[in-house]
């Protein structure tokens, strides 16, 4: 009976360690898209923080390079024409 409890305790410990280690292993390999989106969010937040001191054209100049680097606007805005 005692051996059964030891076995179940050991098994539970192994599963617990596996459950804790799996997310840590995944965190070591970040998705490259996350960095792109975070860069965009940082630039957007910065432009919003300076909205009272920078005019619309200034905010556009702040965001335009980041938007071009983050999004593929030509591909996103292509209109496909169906044959009539």
PDB file of N, CA and C in Angstrom:
ATOM      1  N   UNK A   1       0.823  -1.184   0.000  1.00  0.00           N
ATOM      2  CA  UNK A   1       0.000   0.000   0.000  1.00  0.00           C
ATOM      3  C   UNK A   1       0.873   1.257   0.000  1.00  0.00           C
ATOM      4  N   UNK A   2       1.910   1.244   0.833  1.00  0.00           N
ATOM      5  CA  UNK A   2       2.819   2.388   0.905  1.00  0.00           C
ATOM      6  C   UNK A   2       3.532   2.602  -0.425  1.00  0.00           C
ATOM      7  N   UNK A   3       3.872   1.507  -1.096  1.00  0.00           N
ATOM      8  CA  UNK A   3       4.549   1.617  -2.391  1.00  0.00           C
ATOM      9  C   UNK A   3       3.638   2.277  -3.429  1.00  0.00           C
ATOM     10  N   UNK A   4       2.345   1.999  -3.362  1.00  0.00           N
ATOM     11  CA  UNK A   4       1.402   2.628  -4.287  1.00  0.00           C
ATOM     12  C   UNK A   4       1.366   4.141  -4.094  1.00  0.00           C
ATOM     13  N   UNK A   5       1.352   4.576  -2.818  1.00  0.00           N
ATOM     14  CA  UNK A   5       1.324   6.010  -2.536  1.00  0.00           C
ATOM     15  C   UNK A   5       2.619   6.683  -2.981  1.00  0.00           C
ATOM     16  N   UNK A   6       3.735   6.007  -2.785  1.00  0.00           N
ATOM     17  CA  UNK A   6       5.027   6.569  -3.223  1.00  0.00           C
ATOM     18  C   UNK A   6       5.058   6.683  -4.744  1.00  0.00           C
ATOM     19  N   UNK A   7       4.555   5.651  -5.397  1.00  0.00           N
ATOM     20  CA  UNK A   7       4.514   5.680  -6.858  1.00  0.00           C
ATOM     21  C   UNK A   7       3.622   6.816  -7.351  1.00  0.00           C
ATOM     22  N   UNK A   8       2.434   6.962  -6.762  1.00  0.00           N
ATOM     23  CA  UNK A   8       1.521   8.024  -7.178  1.00  0.00           C
ATOM     24  C   UNK A   8       2.097   9.404  -6.869  1.00  0.00           C
ATOM     25  N   UNK A   9       2.764   9.542  -5.735  1.00  0.00           N
ATOM     26  CA  UNK A   9       3.405  10.812  -5.386  1.00  0.00           C
ATOM     27  C   UNK A   9       4.515  11.163  -6.357  1.00  0.00           C
ATOM     28  N   UNK A  10       5.327  10.184  -6.715  1.00  0.00           N
ATOM     29  CA  UNK A  10       6.409  10.403  -7.682  1.00  0.00           C
ATOM     30  C   UNK A  10       5.840  10.758  -9.048  1.00  0.00           C
ATOM     31  N   UNK A  11       4.807  10.055  -9.448  1.00  0.00           N
ATOM     32  CA  UNK A  11       4.168  10.322 -10.731  1.00  0.00           C
ATOM     33  C   UNK A  11       3.576  11.732 -10.762  1.00  0.00           C
ATOM     34  N   UNK A  12       2.936  12.132  -9.690  1.00  0.00           N
ATOM     35  CA  UNK A  12       2.366  13.476  -9.614  1.00  0.00           C
ATOM     36  C   UNK A  12       3.467  14.527  -9.680  1.00  0.00           C
ATOM     37  N   UNK A  13       4.599  14.282  -9.021  1.00  0.00           N
ATOM     38  CA  UNK A  13       5.714  15.224  -9.037  1.00  0.00           C
ATOM     39  C   UNK A  13       6.288  15.359 -10.449  1.00  0.00           C
ATOM     40  N   UNK A  14       6.393  14.260 -11.151  1.00  0.00           N
ATOM     41  CA  UNK A  14       6.909  14.296 -12.529  1.00  0.00           C
ATOM     42  C   UNK A  14       5.977  15.107 -13.420  1.00  0.00           C
ATOM     43  N   UNK A  15       4.683  14.893 -13.315  1.00  0.00           N
ATOM     44  CA  UNK A  15       3.728  15.652 -14.124  1.00  0.00           C
ATOM     45  C   UNK A  15       3.752  17.136 -13.761  1.00  0.00           C
ATOM     46  N   UNK A  16       3.898  17.430 -12.486  1.00  0.00           N
ATOM     47  CA  UNK A  16       3.958  18.819 -12.048  1.00  0.00           C
ATOM     48  C   UNK A  16       5.202  19.497 -12.611  1.00  0.00           C
ATOM     49  N   UNK A  17       6.336  18.846 -12.555  1.00  0.00           N
ATOM     50  CA  UNK A  17       7.561  19.412 -13.115  1.00  0.00           C
ATOM     51  C   UNK A  17       7.448  19.604 -14.621  1.00  0.00           C
ATOM     52  N   UNK A  18       6.835  18.649 -15.307  1.00  0.00           N
ATOM     53  CA  UNK A  18       6.654  18.766 -16.753  1.00  0.00           C
ATOM     54  C   UNK A  18       5.733  19.938 -17.088  1.00  0.00           C
ATOM     55  N   UNK A  19       4.695  20.119 -16.294  1.00  0.00           N
ATOM     56  CA  UNK A  19       3.754  21.216 -16.540  1.00  0.00           C
ATOM     57  C   UNK A  19       4.415  22.567 -16.312  1.00  0.00           C
ATOM     58  N   UNK A  20       5.313  22.659 -15.351  1.00  0.00           N
ATOM     59  CA  UNK A  20       6.007  23.924 -15.071  1.00  0.00           C
ATOM     60  C   UNK A  20       7.108  24.162 -16.097  1.00  0.00           C
ATOM     61  N   UNK A  21       7.802  23.135 -16.520  1.00  0.00           N
ATOM     62  CA  UNK A  21       8.935  23.292 -17.430  1.00  0.00           C
ATOM     63  C   UNK A  21       8.498  23.586 -18.857  1.00  0.00           C
ATOM     64  N   UNK A  22       7.347  23.103 -19.283  1.00  0.00           N
ATOM     65  CA  UNK A  22       6.908  23.299 -20.667  1.00  0.00           C
ATOM     66  C   UNK A  22       6.728  24.767 -21.023  1.00  0.00           C
ATOM     67  N   UNK A  23       6.026  25.581 -20.233  1.00  0.00           N
ATOM     68  CA  UNK A  23       5.904  26.997 -20.591  1.00  0.00           C
ATOM     69  C   UNK A  23       7.241  27.733 -20.542  1.00  0.00           C
ATOM     70  N   UNK A  24       8.132  27.349 -19.637  1.00  0.00           N
ATOM     71  CA  UNK A  24       9.438  28.006 -19.570  1.00  0.00           C
ATOM     72  C   UNK A  24      10.248  27.704 -20.817  1.00  0.00           C
ATOM     73  N   UNK A  25      10.171  26.499 -21.337  1.00  0.00           N
ATOM     74  CA  UNK A  25      10.890  26.147 -22.545  1.00  0.00           C
ATOM     75  C   UNK A  25      10.327  26.916 -23.735  1.00  0.00           C
ATOM     76  N   UNK A  26       9.029  27.091 -23.765  1.00  0.00           N
ATOM     77  CA  UNK A  26       8.403  27.832 -24.847  1.00  0.00           C
ATOM     78  C   UNK A  26       8.784  29.301 -24.791  1.00  0.00           C
ATOM     79  N   UNK A  27       8.954  29.861 -23.621  1.00  0.00           N
ATOM     80  CA  UNK A  27       9.300  31.272 -23.462  1.00  0.00           C
ATOM     81  C   UNK A  27      10.708  31.568 -23.964  1.00  0.00           C
ATOM     82  N   UNK A  28      11.551  30.561 -24.066  1.00  0.00           N
ATOM     83  CA  UNK A  28      12.915  30.769 -24.542  1.00  0.00           C
ATOM     84  C   UNK A  28      12.967  31.038 -26.034  1.00  0.00           C
ATOM     85  N   UNK A  29      11.953  30.641 -26.781  1.00  0.00           N
ATOM     86  CA  UNK A  29      11.934  30.821 -28.228  1.00  0.00           C
ATOM     87  C   UNK A  29      10.766  31.729 -28.607  1.00  0.00           C
ATOM     88  N   UNK A  30      10.952  33.072 -28.517  1.00  0.00           N
ATOM     89  CA  UNK A  30       9.839  33.976 -28.812  1.00  0.00           C
ATOM     90  C   UNK A  30       9.505  34.002 -30.301  1.00  0.00           C
ATOM     91  N   UNK A  31       8.265  34.277 -30.571  1.00  0.00           N
ATOM     92  CA  UNK A  31       7.791  34.398 -31.943  1.00  0.00           C
ATOM     93  C   UNK A  31       8.325  35.711 -32.520  1.00  0.00           C
ATOM     94  N   UNK A  32       8.958  35.697 -33.699  1.00  0.00           N
ATOM     95  CA  UNK A  32       9.514  36.932 -34.259  1.00  0.00           C
ATOM     96  C   UNK A  32       8.441  37.984 -34.553  1.00  0.00           C
ATOM     97  N   UNK A  33       7.222  37.564 -34.775  1.00  0.00           N
ATOM     98  CA  UNK A  33       6.151  38.525 -35.043  1.00  0.00           C
ATOM     99  C   UNK A  33       5.837  39.363 -33.809  1.00  0.00           C
ATOM    100  N   UNK A  34       6.068  38.803 -32.636  1.00  0.00           N
ATOM    101  CA  UNK A  34       5.788  39.530 -31.398  1.00  0.00           C
ATOM    102  C   UNK A  34       6.646  40.784 -31.320  1.00  0.00           C
ATOM    103  N   UNK A  35       7.910  40.684 -31.695  1.00  0.00           N
ATOM    104  CA  UNK A  35       8.803  41.842 -31.650  1.00  0.00           C
ATOM    105  C   UNK A  35       8.339  42.926 -32.617  1.00  0.00           C
ATOM    106  N   UNK A  36       7.892  42.547 -33.808  1.00  0.00           N
ATOM    107  CA  UNK A  36       7.397  43.530 -34.779  1.00  0.00           C
ATOM    108  C   UNK A  36       6.179  44.269 -34.240  1.00  0.00           C
ATOM    109  N   UNK A  37       5.237  43.534 -33.697  1.00  0.00           N
ATOM    110  CA  UNK A  37       4.019  44.146 -33.173  1.00  0.00           C
ATOM    111  C   UNK A  37       4.349  45.012 -31.966  1.00  0.00           C
ATOM    112  N   UNK A  38       5.254  44.558 -31.113  1.00  0.00           N
ATOM    113  CA  UNK A  38       5.633  45.343 -29.936  1.00  0.00           C
ATOM    114  C   UNK A  38       6.302  46.653 -30.358  1.00  0.00           C
ATOM    115  N   UNK A  39       7.128  46.612 -31.390  1.00  0.00           N
ATOM    116  CA  UNK A  39       7.763  47.827 -31.909  1.00  0.00           C
ATOM    117  C   UNK A  39       6.709  48.797 -32.413  1.00  0.00           C
ATOM    118  N   UNK A  40       5.709  48.280 -33.117  1.00  0.00           N
ATOM    119  CA  UNK A  40       4.617  49.132 -33.601  1.00  0.00           C
ATOM    120  C   UNK A  40       3.848  49.739 -32.431  1.00  0.00           C
ATOM    121  N   UNK A  41       3.497  48.914 -31.448  1.00  0.00           N
ATOM    122  CA  UNK A  41       2.757  49.414 -30.281  1.00  0.00           C
ATOM    123  C   UNK A  41       3.552  50.488 -29.536  1.00  0.00           C
ATOM    124  N   UNK A  42       4.854  50.277 -29.394  1.00  0.00           N
ATOM    125  CA  UNK A  42       5.690  51.264 -28.703  1.00  0.00           C
ATOM    126  C   UNK A  42       5.691  52.601 -29.446  1.00  0.00           C
ATOM    127  N   UNK A  43       5.820  52.555 -30.772  1.00  0.00           N
ATOM    128  CA  UNK A  43       5.805  53.786 -31.562  1.00  0.00           C
ATOM    129  C   UNK A  43       4.435  54.454 -31.505  1.00  0.00           C
ATOM    130  N   UNK A  44       3.380  53.670 -31.570  1.00  0.00           N
ATOM    131  CA  UNK A  44       2.032  54.218 -31.500  1.00  0.00           C
ATOM    132  C   UNK A  44       1.788  54.884 -30.144  1.00  0.00           C
ATOM    133  N   UNK A  45       2.183  54.224 -29.081  1.00  0.00           N
ATOM    134  CA  UNK A  45       2.017  54.782 -27.748  1.00  0.00           C
ATOM    135  C   UNK A  45       2.835  56.064 -27.586  1.00  0.00           C
ATOM    136  N   UNK A  46       4.041  56.073 -28.126  1.00  0.00           N
ATOM    137  CA  UNK A  46       4.880  57.264 -28.059  1.00  0.00           C
ATOM    138  C   UNK A  46       4.231  58.432 -28.802  1.00  0.00           C
ATOM    139  N   UNK A  47       3.674  58.156 -29.963  1.00  0.00           N
ATOM    140  CA  UNK A  47       3.017  59.232 -30.719  1.00  0.00           C
ATOM    141  C   UNK A  47       1.762  59.728 -29.998  1.00  0.00           C
ATOM    142  N   UNK A  48       1.069  58.832 -29.329  1.00  0.00           N
ATOM    143  CA  UNK A  48      -0.120  59.239 -28.578  1.00  0.00           C
ATOM    144  C   UNK A  48       0.261  60.077 -27.356  1.00  0.00           C
ATOM    145  N   UNK A  49       1.371  59.739 -26.713  1.00  0.00           N
ATOM    146  CA  UNK A  49       1.823  60.505 -25.559  1.00  0.00           C
ATOM    147  C   UNK A  49       2.222  61.928 -25.944  1.00  0.00           C
ATOM    148  N   UNK A  50       2.690  62.111 -27.179  1.00  0.00           N
ATOM    149  CA  UNK A  50       3.128  63.420 -27.644  1.00  0.00           C
ATOM    150  C   UNK A  50       2.062  64.115 -28.499  1.00  0.00           C
ATOM    151  N   UNK A  51       0.827  63.666 -28.418  1.00  0.00           N
ATOM    152  CA  UNK A  51      -0.241  64.207 -29.271  1.00  0.00           C
ATOM    153  C   UNK A  51      -0.483  65.694 -29.036  1.00  0.00           C
ATOM    154  N   UNK A  52      -0.263  66.168 -27.815  1.00  0.00           N
ATOM    155  CA  UNK A  52      -0.503  67.587 -27.527  1.00  0.00           C
ATOM    156  C   UNK A  52       0.628  68.482 -28.018  1.00  0.00           C
ATOM    157  N   UNK A  53       1.809  67.914 -28.197  1.00  0.00           N
ATOM    158  CA  UNK A  53       2.954  68.728 -28.599  1.00  0.00           C
ATOM    159  C   UNK A  53       3.370  68.521 -30.055  1.00  0.00           C
ATOM    160  N   UNK A  54       2.890  67.456 -30.667  1.00  0.00           N
ATOM    161  CA  UNK A  54       3.250  67.155 -32.060  1.00  0.00           C
ATOM    162  C   UNK A  54       1.980  67.181 -32.900  1.00  0.00           C
ATOM    163  N   UNK A  55       2.028  67.883 -34.012  1.00  0.00           N
ATOM    164  CA  UNK A  55       0.834  67.969 -34.856  1.00  0.00           C
ATOM    165  C   UNK A  55       0.627  66.669 -35.625  1.00  0.00           C
ATOM    166  N   UNK A  56      -0.431  66.632 -36.407  1.00  0.00           N
ATOM    167  CA  UNK A  56      -0.801  65.417 -37.145  1.00  0.00           C
ATOM    168  C   UNK A  56       0.315  65.000 -38.105  1.00  0.00           C
ATOM    169  N   UNK A  57       0.908  65.954 -38.807  1.00  0.00           N
ATOM    170  CA  UNK A  57       1.990  65.614 -39.739  1.00  0.00           C
ATOM    171  C   UNK A  57       3.197  65.050 -38.998  1.00  0.00           C
ATOM    172  N   UNK A  58       3.491  65.576 -37.829  1.00  0.00           N
ATOM    173  CA  UNK A  58       4.594  65.054 -37.032  1.00  0.00           C
ATOM    174  C   UNK A  58       4.336  63.638 -36.563  1.00  0.00           C
ATOM    175  N   UNK A  59       3.115  63.379 -36.132  1.00  0.00           N
ATOM    176  CA  UNK A  59       2.775  62.012 -35.705  1.00  0.00           C
ATOM    177  C   UNK A  59       2.811  61.057 -36.895  1.00  0.00           C
ATOM    178  N   UNK A  60       2.393  61.537 -38.059  1.00  0.00           N
ATOM    179  CA  UNK A  60       2.478  60.711 -39.266  1.00  0.00           C
ATOM    180  C   UNK A  60       3.937  60.343 -39.552  1.00  0.00           C
ATOM    181  N   UNK A  61       4.820  61.326 -39.444  1.00  0.00           N
ATOM    182  CA  UNK A  61       6.242  61.073 -39.700  1.00  0.00           C
ATOM    183  C   UNK A  61       6.832  60.110 -38.675  1.00  0.00           C
ATOM    184  N   UNK A  62       6.293  60.136 -37.454  1.00  0.00           N
ATOM    185  CA  UNK A  62       6.765  59.199 -36.431  1.00  0.00           C
ATOM    186  C   UNK A  62       6.303  57.771 -36.728  1.00  0.00           C
ATOM    187  N   UNK A  63       5.079  57.636 -37.239  1.00  0.00           N
ATOM    188  CA  UNK A  63       4.492  56.306 -37.414  1.00  0.00           C
ATOM    189  C   UNK A  63       4.739  55.679 -38.785  1.00  0.00           C
ATOM    190  N   UNK A  64       4.921  56.495 -39.808  1.00  0.00           N
ATOM    191  CA  UNK A  64       5.030  55.961 -41.172  1.00  0.00           C
ATOM    192  C   UNK A  64       6.119  54.903 -41.321  1.00  0.00           C
ATOM    193  N   UNK A  65       7.353  55.129 -40.853  1.00  0.00           N
ATOM    194  CA  UNK A  65       8.377  54.087 -41.028  1.00  0.00           C
ATOM    195  C   UNK A  65       8.056  52.801 -40.274  1.00  0.00           C
ATOM    196  N   UNK A  66       7.457  52.935 -39.105  1.00  0.00           N
ATOM    197  CA  UNK A  66       7.136  51.750 -38.311  1.00  0.00           C
ATOM    198  C   UNK A  66       5.999  50.969 -38.963  1.00  0.00           C
ATOM    199  N   UNK A  67       5.015  51.671 -39.495  1.00  0.00           N
ATOM    200  CA  UNK A  67       3.908  51.005 -40.191  1.00  0.00           C
ATOM    201  C   UNK A  67       4.429  50.281 -41.425  1.00  0.00           C
ATOM    202  N   UNK A  68       5.309  50.947 -42.182  1.00  0.00           N
ATOM    203  CA  UNK A  68       5.876  50.304 -43.378  1.00  0.00           C
ATOM    204  C   UNK A  68       6.680  49.058 -43.022  1.00  0.00           C
ATOM    205  N   UNK A  69       7.384  49.088 -41.883  1.00  0.00           N
ATOM    206  CA  UNK A  69       8.189  47.939 -41.473  1.00  0.00           C
ATOM    207  C   UNK A  69       7.342  46.814 -40.893  1.00  0.00           C
ATOM    208  N   UNK A  70       6.194  47.158 -40.322  1.00  0.00           N
ATOM    209  CA  UNK A  70       5.373  46.157 -39.637  1.00  0.00           C
ATOM    210  C   UNK A  70       4.357  45.500 -40.559  1.00  0.00           C
ATOM    211  N   UNK A  71       3.750  46.296 -41.426  1.00  0.00           N
ATOM    212  CA  UNK A  71       2.662  45.798 -42.270  1.00  0.00           C
ATOM    213  C   UNK A  71       3.055  45.815 -43.736  1.00  0.00           C
ATOM    214  N   UNK A  72       2.592  44.840 -44.487  1.00  0.00           N
ATOM    215  CA  UNK A  72       2.772  44.797 -45.935  1.00  0.00           C
ATOM    216  C   UNK A  72       1.513  45.381 -46.563  1.00  0.00           C
ATOM    217  N   UNK A  73       1.427  46.706 -46.549  1.00  0.00           N
ATOM    218  CA  UNK A  73       0.203  47.375 -46.981  1.00  0.00           C
ATOM    219  C   UNK A  73      -0.183  47.085 -48.434  1.00  0.00           C
ATOM    220  N   UNK A  74       0.765  47.043 -49.378  1.00  0.00           N
ATOM    221  CA  UNK A  74       0.334  46.713 -50.742  1.00  0.00           C
ATOM    222  C   UNK A  74      -0.364  45.352 -50.840  1.00  0.00           C
ATOM    223  N   UNK A  75       0.164  44.367 -50.161  1.00  0.00           N
ATOM    224  CA  UNK A  75      -0.466  43.048 -50.188  1.00  0.00           C
ATOM    225  C   UNK A  75      -1.800  43.066 -49.454  1.00  0.00           C
ATOM    226  N   UNK A  76      -1.871  43.819 -48.372  1.00  0.00           N
ATOM    227  CA  UNK A  76      -3.105  43.859 -47.585  1.00  0.00           C
ATOM    228  C   UNK A  76      -4.224  44.607 -48.304  1.00  0.00           C
ATOM    229  N   UNK A  77      -3.888  45.473 -49.242  1.00  0.00           N
ATOM    230  CA  UNK A  77      -4.902  46.310 -49.880  1.00  0.00           C
ATOM    231  C   UNK A  77      -5.153  45.960 -51.344  1.00  0.00           C
ATOM    232  N   UNK A  78      -4.589  44.877 -51.817  1.00  0.00           N
ATOM    233  CA  UNK A  78      -4.814  44.466 -53.219  1.00  0.00           C
ATOM    234  C   UNK A  78      -6.277  44.070 -53.391  1.00  0.00           C
ATOM    235  N   UNK A  79      -6.863  44.567 -54.462  1.00  0.00           N
ATOM    236  CA  UNK A  79      -8.229  44.187 -54.768  1.00  0.00           C
ATOM    237  C   UNK A  79      -8.193  43.129 -55.880  1.00  0.00           C
ATOM    238  N   UNK A  80      -8.782  42.016 -55.609  1.00  0.00           N
ATOM    239  CA  UNK A  80      -8.869  40.960 -56.602  1.00  0.00           C
ATOM    240  C   UNK A  80     -10.174  41.113 -57.361  1.00  0.00           C
ATOM    241  N   UNK A  81     -10.064  41.207 -58.655  1.00  0.00           N
ATOM    242  CA  UNK A  81     -11.251  41.352 -59.483  1.00  0.00           C
ATOM    243  C   UNK A  81     -11.670  39.981 -59.998  1.00  0.00           C
ATOM    244  N   UNK A  82     -12.896  39.626 -59.736  1.00  0.00           N
ATOM    245  CA  UNK A  82     -13.436  38.356 -60.232  1.00  0.00           C
ATOM    246  C   UNK A  82     -13.838  38.530 -61.686  1.00  0.00           C
ATOM    247  N   UNK A  83     -13.627  37.511 -62.485  1.00  0.00           N
ATOM    248  CA  UNK A  83     -14.057  37.615 -63.889  1.00  0.00           C
ATOM    249  C   UNK A  83     -15.574  37.797 -63.959  1.00  0.00           C
ATOM    250  N   UNK A  84     -15.963  38.655 -64.867  1.00  0.00           N
ATOM    251  CA  UNK A  84     -17.383  38.917 -65.024  1.00  0.00           C
ATOM    252  C   UNK A  84     -18.079  37.865 -65.832  1.00  0.00           C
TER     253      UNK A  84
END
